[in-house]
Structure formats: structure tokens, C-alpha cells
Amino acid sequence: MDLELKPLRQKKLYHQMKKQLVRHDKRVMLYLRNENWLKIRKQKDRRRRRVLMRLWRMKQLTLMKTGRLPLPTMAAS
């Protein structure tokens, strides 16, 4: 492999590696597999927040139905 070991975040180097079809190098394989890691992480975070919000709402509803949580009122203090 004639490439210098530079950070793989550089687009030019990435395209250079892609042209050479060097897939046997473990570092290159891992990089090619995880090039969209930021998009994947953001999606997972969004999904996690939605699920947690849904669980919180369900818990609040059950607490209100059982009477353990007082209903919100518009009374001024």
C-alpha cells in the first residue's frame, strides 16, 4: 500500500483508497464500514429520545389514572 498513514477523515485519501480497491487492509475496511457513523449516531439518539418521551408519557398517564399524580391546574400561586 503506497498511501501514507494519515487520518482517514480526508476525502481525498478516502477516494484514493477506494480507487485502489484495497479492502484487505483492516484499517481501510473498518473506515469504509463506518463512514456514516455520525448519521447513525444521530439517528440512534433521536430514536432513543422519542422512546424515552413515549415511556415518560405512558408513566404519567398511568399515575394520573390511578390518582397518584394530581392533575395539573391553572391556579396562580
PDB file of N, CA and C in Angstrom:
ATOM      1  N   MET A   1       0.849  -1.173   0.000  1.00  0.00           N
ATOM      2  CA  MET A   1       0.000   0.000   0.000  1.00  0.00           C
ATOM      3  C   MET A   1       0.895   1.236   0.000  1.00  0.00           C
ATOM      4  N   ASP A   2       0.738   2.123  -0.981  1.00  0.00           N
ATOM      5  CA  ASP A   2       1.598   3.281  -1.147  1.00  0.00           C
ATOM      6  C   ASP A   2       1.099   4.503  -0.399  1.00  0.00           C
ATOM      7  N   LEU A   3      -0.026   4.395   0.279  1.00  0.00           N
ATOM      8  CA  LEU A   3      -0.594   5.555   0.957  1.00  0.00           C
ATOM      9  C   LEU A   3       0.114   5.811   2.273  1.00  0.00           C
ATOM     10  N   GLU A   4       0.242   7.093   2.599  1.00  0.00           N
ATOM     11  CA  GLU A   4       0.783   7.430   3.907  1.00  0.00           C
ATOM     12  C   GLU A   4      -0.314   7.220   4.937  1.00  0.00           C
ATOM     13  N   LEU A   5       0.083   6.958   6.167  1.00  0.00           N
ATOM     14  CA  LEU A   5      -0.921   6.772   7.214  1.00  0.00           C
ATOM     15  C   LEU A   5      -1.338   8.134   7.741  1.00  0.00           C
ATOM     16  N   LYS A   6      -2.409   8.651   7.190  1.00  0.00           N
ATOM     17  CA  LYS A   6      -2.965   9.936   7.597  1.00  0.00           C
ATOM     18  C   LYS A   6      -4.357   9.669   8.160  1.00  0.00           C
ATOM     19  N   PRO A   7      -4.925  10.647   8.836  1.00  0.00           N
ATOM     20  CA  PRO A   7      -6.311  10.457   9.290  1.00  0.00           C
ATOM     21  C   PRO A   7      -7.228  10.165   8.105  1.00  0.00           C
ATOM     22  N   LEU A   8      -8.066   9.187   8.255  1.00  0.00           N
ATOM     23  CA  LEU A   8      -8.912   8.761   7.132  1.00  0.00           C
ATOM     24  C   LEU A   8     -10.103   9.679   6.906  1.00  0.00           C
ATOM     25  N   ARG A   9     -10.208  10.746   7.691  1.00  0.00           N
ATOM     26  CA  ARG A   9     -11.317  11.659   7.511  1.00  0.00           C
ATOM     27  C   ARG A   9     -11.156  12.500   6.242  1.00  0.00           C
ATOM     28  N   GLN A  10      -9.965  12.493   5.671  1.00  0.00           N
ATOM     29  CA  GLN A  10      -9.720  13.304   4.488  1.00  0.00           C
ATOM     30  C   GLN A  10     -10.382  12.657   3.275  1.00  0.00           C
ATOM     31  N   LYS A  11     -11.212  13.415   2.603  1.00  0.00           N
ATOM     32  CA  LYS A  11     -11.957  12.886   1.458  1.00  0.00           C
ATOM     33  C   LYS A  11     -11.034  12.416   0.348  1.00  0.00           C
ATOM     34  N   LYS A  12      -9.976  13.188   0.098  1.00  0.00           N
ATOM     35  CA  LYS A  12      -9.063  12.863  -0.994  1.00  0.00           C
ATOM     36  C   LYS A  12      -8.431  11.483  -0.770  1.00  0.00           C
ATOM     37  N   LEU A  13      -7.980  11.254   0.438  1.00  0.00           N
ATOM     38  CA  LEU A  13      -7.351   9.974   0.763  1.00  0.00           C
ATOM     39  C   LEU A  13      -8.365   8.835   0.665  1.00  0.00           C
ATOM     40  N   TYR A  14      -9.576   9.096   1.111  1.00  0.00           N
ATOM     41  CA  TYR A  14     -10.633   8.101   1.047  1.00  0.00           C
ATOM     42  C   TYR A  14     -10.896   7.686  -0.402  1.00  0.00           C
ATOM     43  N   HIS A  15     -11.013   8.673  -1.284  1.00  0.00           N
ATOM     44  CA  HIS A  15     -11.267   8.362  -2.685  1.00  0.00           C
ATOM     45  C   HIS A  15     -10.079   7.645  -3.326  1.00  0.00           C
ATOM     46  N   GLN A  16      -8.893   8.031  -2.891  1.00  0.00           N
ATOM     47  CA  GLN A  16      -7.692   7.373  -3.381  1.00  0.00           C
ATOM     48  C   GLN A  16      -7.711   5.889  -3.002  1.00  0.00           C
ATOM     49  N   MET A  17      -8.094   5.607  -1.776  1.00  0.00           N
ATOM     50  CA  MET A  17      -8.157   4.215  -1.314  1.00  0.00           C
ATOM     51  C   MET A  17      -9.232   3.450  -2.066  1.00  0.00           C
ATOM     52  N   LYS A  18     -10.342   4.119  -2.304  1.00  0.00           N
ATOM     53  CA  LYS A  18     -11.440   3.469  -2.996  1.00  0.00           C
ATOM     54  C   LYS A  18     -11.032   3.061  -4.413  1.00  0.00           C
ATOM     55  N   LYS A  19     -10.272   3.925  -5.066  1.00  0.00           N
ATOM     56  CA  LYS A  19      -9.812   3.632  -6.431  1.00  0.00           C
ATOM     57  C   LYS A  19      -8.904   2.412  -6.449  1.00  0.00           C
ATOM     58  N   GLN A  20      -8.058   2.316  -5.467  1.00  0.00           N
ATOM     59  CA  GLN A  20      -7.088   1.226  -5.451  1.00  0.00           C
ATOM     60  C   GLN A  20      -7.709  -0.112  -5.048  1.00  0.00           C
ATOM     61  N   LEU A  21      -8.926  -0.059  -4.549  1.00  0.00           N
ATOM     62  CA  LEU A  21      -9.625  -1.269  -4.100  1.00  0.00           C
ATOM     63  C   LEU A  21      -8.777  -2.076  -3.112  1.00  0.00           C
ATOM     64  N   VAL A  22      -8.311  -1.383  -2.097  1.00  0.00           N
ATOM     65  CA  VAL A  22      -7.511  -2.039  -1.068  1.00  0.00           C
ATOM     66  C   VAL A  22      -8.471  -2.374   0.071  1.00  0.00           C
ATOM     67  N   ARG A  23      -9.072  -3.522   0.004  1.00  0.00           N
ATOM     68  CA  ARG A  23     -10.055  -3.891   1.017  1.00  0.00           C
ATOM     69  C   ARG A  23      -9.488  -4.908   2.004  1.00  0.00           C
ATOM     70  N   HIS A  24      -8.287  -5.380   1.764  1.00  0.00           N
ATOM     71  CA  HIS A  24      -7.709  -6.357   2.666  1.00  0.00           C
ATOM     72  C   HIS A  24      -7.080  -5.701   3.895  1.00  0.00           C
ATOM     73  N   ASP A  25      -6.820  -4.403   3.816  1.00  0.00           N
ATOM     74  CA  ASP A  25      -6.242  -3.687   4.946  1.00  0.00           C
ATOM     75  C   ASP A  25      -7.337  -3.472   5.989  1.00  0.00           C
ATOM     76  N   LYS A  26      -7.101  -3.911   7.208  1.00  0.00           N
ATOM     77  CA  LYS A  26      -8.128  -3.844   8.248  1.00  0.00           C
ATOM     78  C   LYS A  26      -8.551  -2.406   8.531  1.00  0.00           C
ATOM     79  N   ARG A  27      -7.604  -1.492   8.561  1.00  0.00           N
ATOM     80  CA  ARG A  27      -7.905  -0.086   8.847  1.00  0.00           C
ATOM     81  C   ARG A  27      -8.836   0.502   7.785  1.00  0.00           C
ATOM     82  N   VAL A  28      -8.563   0.175   6.535  1.00  0.00           N
ATOM     83  CA  VAL A  28      -9.394   0.668   5.434  1.00  0.00           C
ATOM     84  C   VAL A  28     -10.776   0.044   5.491  1.00  0.00           C
ATOM     85  N   MET A  29     -10.825  -1.244   5.756  1.00  0.00           N
ATOM     86  CA  MET A  29     -12.130  -1.923   5.828  1.00  0.00           C
ATOM     87  C   MET A  29     -12.999  -1.311   6.921  1.00  0.00           C
ATOM     88  N   LEU A  30     -12.408  -1.086   8.089  1.00  0.00           N
ATOM     89  CA  LEU A  30     -13.175  -0.502   9.183  1.00  0.00           C
ATOM     90  C   LEU A  30     -13.652   0.903   8.833  1.00  0.00           C
ATOM     91  N   TYR A  31     -12.800   1.662   8.181  1.00  0.00           N
ATOM     92  CA  TYR A  31     -13.191   3.015   7.804  1.00  0.00           C
ATOM     93  C   TYR A  31     -14.341   2.990   6.801  1.00  0.00           C
ATOM     94  N   LEU A  32     -14.237   2.125   5.798  1.00  0.00           N
ATOM     95  CA  LEU A  32     -15.296   2.046   4.787  1.00  0.00           C
ATOM     96  C   LEU A  32     -16.609   1.589   5.402  1.00  0.00           C
ATOM     97  N   ARG A  33     -16.527   0.719   6.385  1.00  0.00           N
ATOM     98  CA  ARG A  33     -17.732   0.213   7.027  1.00  0.00           C
ATOM     99  C   ARG A  33     -18.390   1.277   7.897  1.00  0.00           C
ATOM    100  N   ASN A  34     -17.582   2.154   8.498  1.00  0.00           N
ATOM    101  CA  ASN A  34     -18.124   3.123   9.456  1.00  0.00           C
ATOM    102  C   ASN A  34     -18.074   4.554   8.964  1.00  0.00           C
ATOM    103  N   GLU A  35     -18.127   4.774   7.647  1.00  0.00           N
ATOM    104  CA  GLU A  35     -18.007   6.144   7.161  1.00  0.00           C
ATOM    105  C   GLU A  35     -19.231   6.988   7.503  1.00  0.00           C
ATOM    106  N   ASN A  36     -20.362   6.371   7.754  1.00  0.00           N
ATOM    107  CA  ASN A  36     -21.569   7.130   8.094  1.00  0.00           C
ATOM    108  C   ASN A  36     -21.884   7.046   9.584  1.00  0.00           C
ATOM    109  N   TRP A  37     -20.872   6.908  10.411  1.00  0.00           N
ATOM    110  CA  TRP A  37     -21.112   6.685  11.836  1.00  0.00           C
ATOM    111  C   TRP A  37     -21.824   7.867  12.479  1.00  0.00           C
ATOM    112  N   LEU A  38     -21.571   9.081  12.027  1.00  0.00           N
ATOM    113  CA  LEU A  38     -22.209  10.243  12.633  1.00  0.00           C
ATOM    114  C   LEU A  38     -23.711  10.242  12.356  1.00  0.00           C
ATOM    115  N   LYS A  39     -24.094   9.924  11.122  1.00  0.00           N
ATOM    116  CA  LYS A  39     -25.521   9.849  10.785  1.00  0.00           C
ATOM    117  C   LYS A  39     -26.203   8.762  11.604  1.00  0.00           C
ATOM    118  N   ILE A  40     -25.528   7.632  11.742  1.00  0.00           N
ATOM    119  CA  ILE A  40     -26.088   6.520  12.514  1.00  0.00           C
ATOM    120  C   ILE A  40     -26.259   6.922  13.979  1.00  0.00           C
ATOM    121  N   ARG A  41     -25.257   7.591  14.550  1.00  0.00           N
ATOM    122  CA  ARG A  41     -25.311   8.025  15.946  1.00  0.00           C
ATOM    123  C   ARG A  41     -26.449   9.003  16.171  1.00  0.00           C
ATOM    124  N   LYS A  42     -26.613   9.965  15.245  1.00  0.00           N
ATOM    125  CA  LYS A  42     -27.700  10.944  15.375  1.00  0.00           C
ATOM    126  C   LYS A  42     -29.058  10.251  15.323  1.00  0.00           C
ATOM    127  N   GLN A  43     -29.201   9.298  14.397  1.00  0.00           N
ATOM    128  CA  GLN A  43     -30.466   8.572  14.283  1.00  0.00           C
ATOM    129  C   GLN A  43     -30.770   7.805  15.558  1.00  0.00           C
ATOM    130  N   LYS A  44     -29.747   7.144  16.120  1.00  0.00           N
ATOM    131  CA  LYS A  44     -29.949   6.391  17.358  1.00  0.00           C
ATOM    132  C   LYS A  44     -30.348   7.315  18.498  1.00  0.00           C
ATOM    133  N   ASP A  45     -29.716   8.488  18.574  1.00  0.00           N
ATOM    134  CA  ASP A  45     -30.045   9.448  19.626  1.00  0.00           C
ATOM    135  C   ASP A  45     -31.483   9.945  19.490  1.00  0.00           C
ATOM    136  N   ARG A  46     -31.885  10.251  18.244  1.00  0.00           N
ATOM    137  CA  ARG A  46     -33.268  10.708  18.024  1.00  0.00           C
ATOM    138  C   ARG A  46     -34.259   9.632  18.447  1.00  0.00           C
ATOM    139  N   ARG A  47     -33.979   8.391  18.039  1.00  0.00           N
ATOM    140  CA  ARG A  47     -34.875   7.287  18.363  1.00  0.00           C
ATOM    141  C   ARG A  47     -34.960   7.090  19.877  1.00  0.00           C
ATOM    142  N   ARG A  48     -33.814   7.174  20.535  1.00  0.00           N
ATOM    143  CA  ARG A  48     -33.779   6.990  21.991  1.00  0.00           C
ATOM    144  C   ARG A  48     -34.593   8.071  22.696  1.00  0.00           C
ATOM    145  N   ARG A  49     -34.442   9.328  22.257  1.00  0.00           N
ATOM    146  CA  ARG A  49     -35.213  10.419  22.864  1.00  0.00           C
ATOM    147  C   ARG A  49     -36.709  10.220  22.675  1.00  0.00           C
ATOM    148  N   ARG A  50     -37.118   9.789  21.459  1.00  0.00           N
ATOM    149  CA  ARG A  50     -38.547   9.560  21.207  1.00  0.00           C
ATOM    150  C   ARG A  50     -39.096   8.462  22.103  1.00  0.00           C
ATOM    151  N   VAL A  51     -38.332   7.374  22.237  1.00  0.00           N
ATOM    152  CA  VAL A  51     -38.783   6.251  23.069  1.00  0.00           C
ATOM    153  C   VAL A  51     -38.893   6.680  24.530  1.00  0.00           C
ATOM    154  N   LEU A  52     -37.885   7.410  25.021  1.00  0.00           N
ATOM    155  CA  LEU A  52     -37.914   7.853  26.420  1.00  0.00           C
ATOM    156  C   LEU A  52     -39.099   8.788  26.663  1.00  0.00           C
ATOM    157  N   MET A  53     -39.380   9.667  25.700  1.00  0.00           N
ATOM    158  CA  MET A  53     -40.522  10.582  25.851  1.00  0.00           C
ATOM    159  C   MET A  53     -41.823   9.787  25.880  1.00  0.00           C
ATOM    160  N   ARG A  54     -41.948   8.784  25.035  1.00  0.00           N
ATOM    161  CA  ARG A  54     -43.151   7.952  24.996  1.00  0.00           C
ATOM    162  C   ARG A  54     -43.328   7.206  26.320  1.00  0.00           C
ATOM    163  N   LEU A  55     -42.248   6.647  26.840  1.00  0.00           N
ATOM    164  CA  LEU A  55     -42.325   5.930  28.116  1.00  0.00           C
ATOM    165  C   LEU A  55     -42.715   6.867  29.252  1.00  0.00           C
ATOM    166  N   TRP A  56     -42.155   8.092  29.245  1.00  0.00           N
ATOM    167  CA  TRP A  56     -42.487   9.063  30.284  1.00  0.00           C
ATOM    168  C   TRP A  56     -43.972   9.425  30.229  1.00  0.00           C
ATOM    169  N   ARG A  57     -44.487   9.640  28.997  1.00  0.00           N
ATOM    170  CA  ARG A  57     -45.913   9.968  28.857  1.00  0.00           C
ATOM    171  C   ARG A  57     -46.800   8.838  29.363  1.00  0.00           C
ATOM    172  N   MET A  58     -46.425   7.597  29.017  1.00  0.00           N
ATOM    173  CA  MET A  58     -47.218   6.452  29.479  1.00  0.00           C
ATOM    174  C   MET A  58     -47.226   6.375  31.003  1.00  0.00           C
ATOM    175  N   LYS A  59     -46.069   6.613  31.606  1.00  0.00           N
ATOM    176  CA  LYS A  59     -45.972   6.572  33.067  1.00  0.00           C
ATOM    177  C   LYS A  59     -46.824   7.669  33.700  1.00  0.00           C
ATOM    178  N   GLN A  60     -46.768   8.883  33.132  1.00  0.00           N
ATOM    179  CA  GLN A  60     -47.567   9.985  33.652  1.00  0.00           C
ATOM    180  C   GLN A  60     -49.064   9.678  33.543  1.00  0.00           C
ATOM    181  N   LEU A  61     -49.481   9.105  32.413  1.00  0.00           N
ATOM    182  CA  LEU A  61     -50.901   8.768  32.245  1.00  0.00           C
ATOM    183  C   LEU A  61     -51.360   7.745  33.277  1.00  0.00           C
ATOM    184  N   THR A  62     -50.544   6.715  33.503  1.00  0.00           N
ATOM    185  CA  THR A  62     -50.937   5.702  34.493  1.00  0.00           C
ATOM    186  C   THR A  62     -50.992   6.299  35.890  1.00  0.00           C
ATOM    187  N   LEU A  63     -50.057   7.210  36.196  1.00  0.00           N
ATOM    188  CA  LEU A  63     -50.085   7.855  37.513  1.00  0.00           C
ATOM    189  C   LEU A  63     -51.335   8.721  37.670  1.00  0.00           C
ATOM    190  N   MET A  64     -51.730   9.429  36.611  1.00  0.00           N
ATOM    191  CA  MET A  64     -52.938  10.261  36.684  1.00  0.00           C
ATOM    192  C   MET A  64     -54.190   9.403  36.815  1.00  0.00           C
ATOM    193  N   LYS A  65     -54.218   8.276  36.079  1.00  0.00           N
ATOM    194  CA  LYS A  65     -55.390   7.406  36.133  1.00  0.00           C
ATOM    195  C   LYS A  65     -55.553   6.769  37.506  1.00  0.00           C
ATOM    196  N   THR A  66     -54.456   6.438  38.152  1.00  0.00           N
ATOM    197  CA  THR A  66     -54.542   5.807  39.470  1.00  0.00           C
ATOM    198  C   THR A  66     -54.703   6.833  40.582  1.00  0.00           C
ATOM    199  N   GLY A  67     -54.541   8.114  40.275  1.00  0.00           N
ATOM    200  CA  GLY A  67     -54.735   9.164  41.266  1.00  0.00           C
ATOM    201  C   GLY A  67     -53.483   9.486  42.066  1.00  0.00           C
ATOM    202  N   ARG A  68     -52.366   8.927  41.708  1.00  0.00           N
ATOM    203  CA  ARG A  68     -51.131   9.218  42.450  1.00  0.00           C
ATOM    204  C   ARG A  68     -50.504  10.538  42.016  1.00  0.00           C
ATOM    205  N   LEU A  69     -50.864  11.008  40.847  1.00  0.00           N
ATOM    206  CA  LEU A  69     -50.325  12.252  40.344  1.00  0.00           C
ATOM    207  C   LEU A  69     -51.483  13.238  40.219  1.00  0.00           C
ATOM    208  N   PRO A  70     -51.406  14.370  40.889  1.00  0.00           N
ATOM    209  CA  PRO A  70     -52.528  15.334  40.788  1.00  0.00           C
ATOM    210  C   PRO A  70     -52.595  15.916  39.381  1.00  0.00           C
ATOM    211  N   LEU A  71     -53.816  16.176  38.940  1.00  0.00           N
ATOM    212  CA  LEU A  71     -53.996  16.763  37.614  1.00  0.00           C
ATOM    213  C   LEU A  71     -53.465  18.192  37.636  1.00  0.00           C
ATOM    214  N   PRO A  72     -52.832  18.622  36.567  1.00  0.00           N
ATOM    215  CA  PRO A  72     -52.304  19.996  36.544  1.00  0.00           C
ATOM    216  C   PRO A  72     -53.439  21.002  36.567  1.00  0.00           C
ATOM    217  N   THR A  73     -53.271  22.045  37.347  1.00  0.00           N
ATOM    218  CA  THR A  73     -54.308  23.094  37.449  1.00  0.00           C
ATOM    219  C   THR A  73     -53.703  24.409  37.030  1.00  0.00           C
ATOM    220  N   MET A  74     -54.551  25.368  36.717  1.00  0.00           N
ATOM    221  CA  MET A  74     -54.097  26.678  36.290  1.00  0.00           C
ATOM    222  C   MET A  74     -54.159  27.682  37.445  1.00  0.00           C
ATOM    223  N   ALA A  75     -54.145  27.215  38.681  1.00  0.00           N
ATOM    224  CA  ALA A  75     -54.234  28.099  39.855  1.00  0.00           C
ATOM    225  C   ALA A  75     -52.954  28.904  39.988  1.00  0.00           C
ATOM    226  N   ALA A  76     -53.128  30.187  40.263  1.00  0.00           N
ATOM    227  CA  ALA A  76     -51.960  31.066  40.445  1.00  0.00           C
ATOM    228  C   ALA A  76     -51.506  30.977  41.897  1.00  0.00           C
ATOM    229  N   SER A  77     -50.202  31.043  42.105  1.00  0.00           N
ATOM    230  CA  SER A  77     -49.692  30.948  43.472  1.00  0.00           C
ATOM    231  C   SER A  77     -49.556  32.295  44.096  1.00  0.00           C
TER     232      SER A  77
END
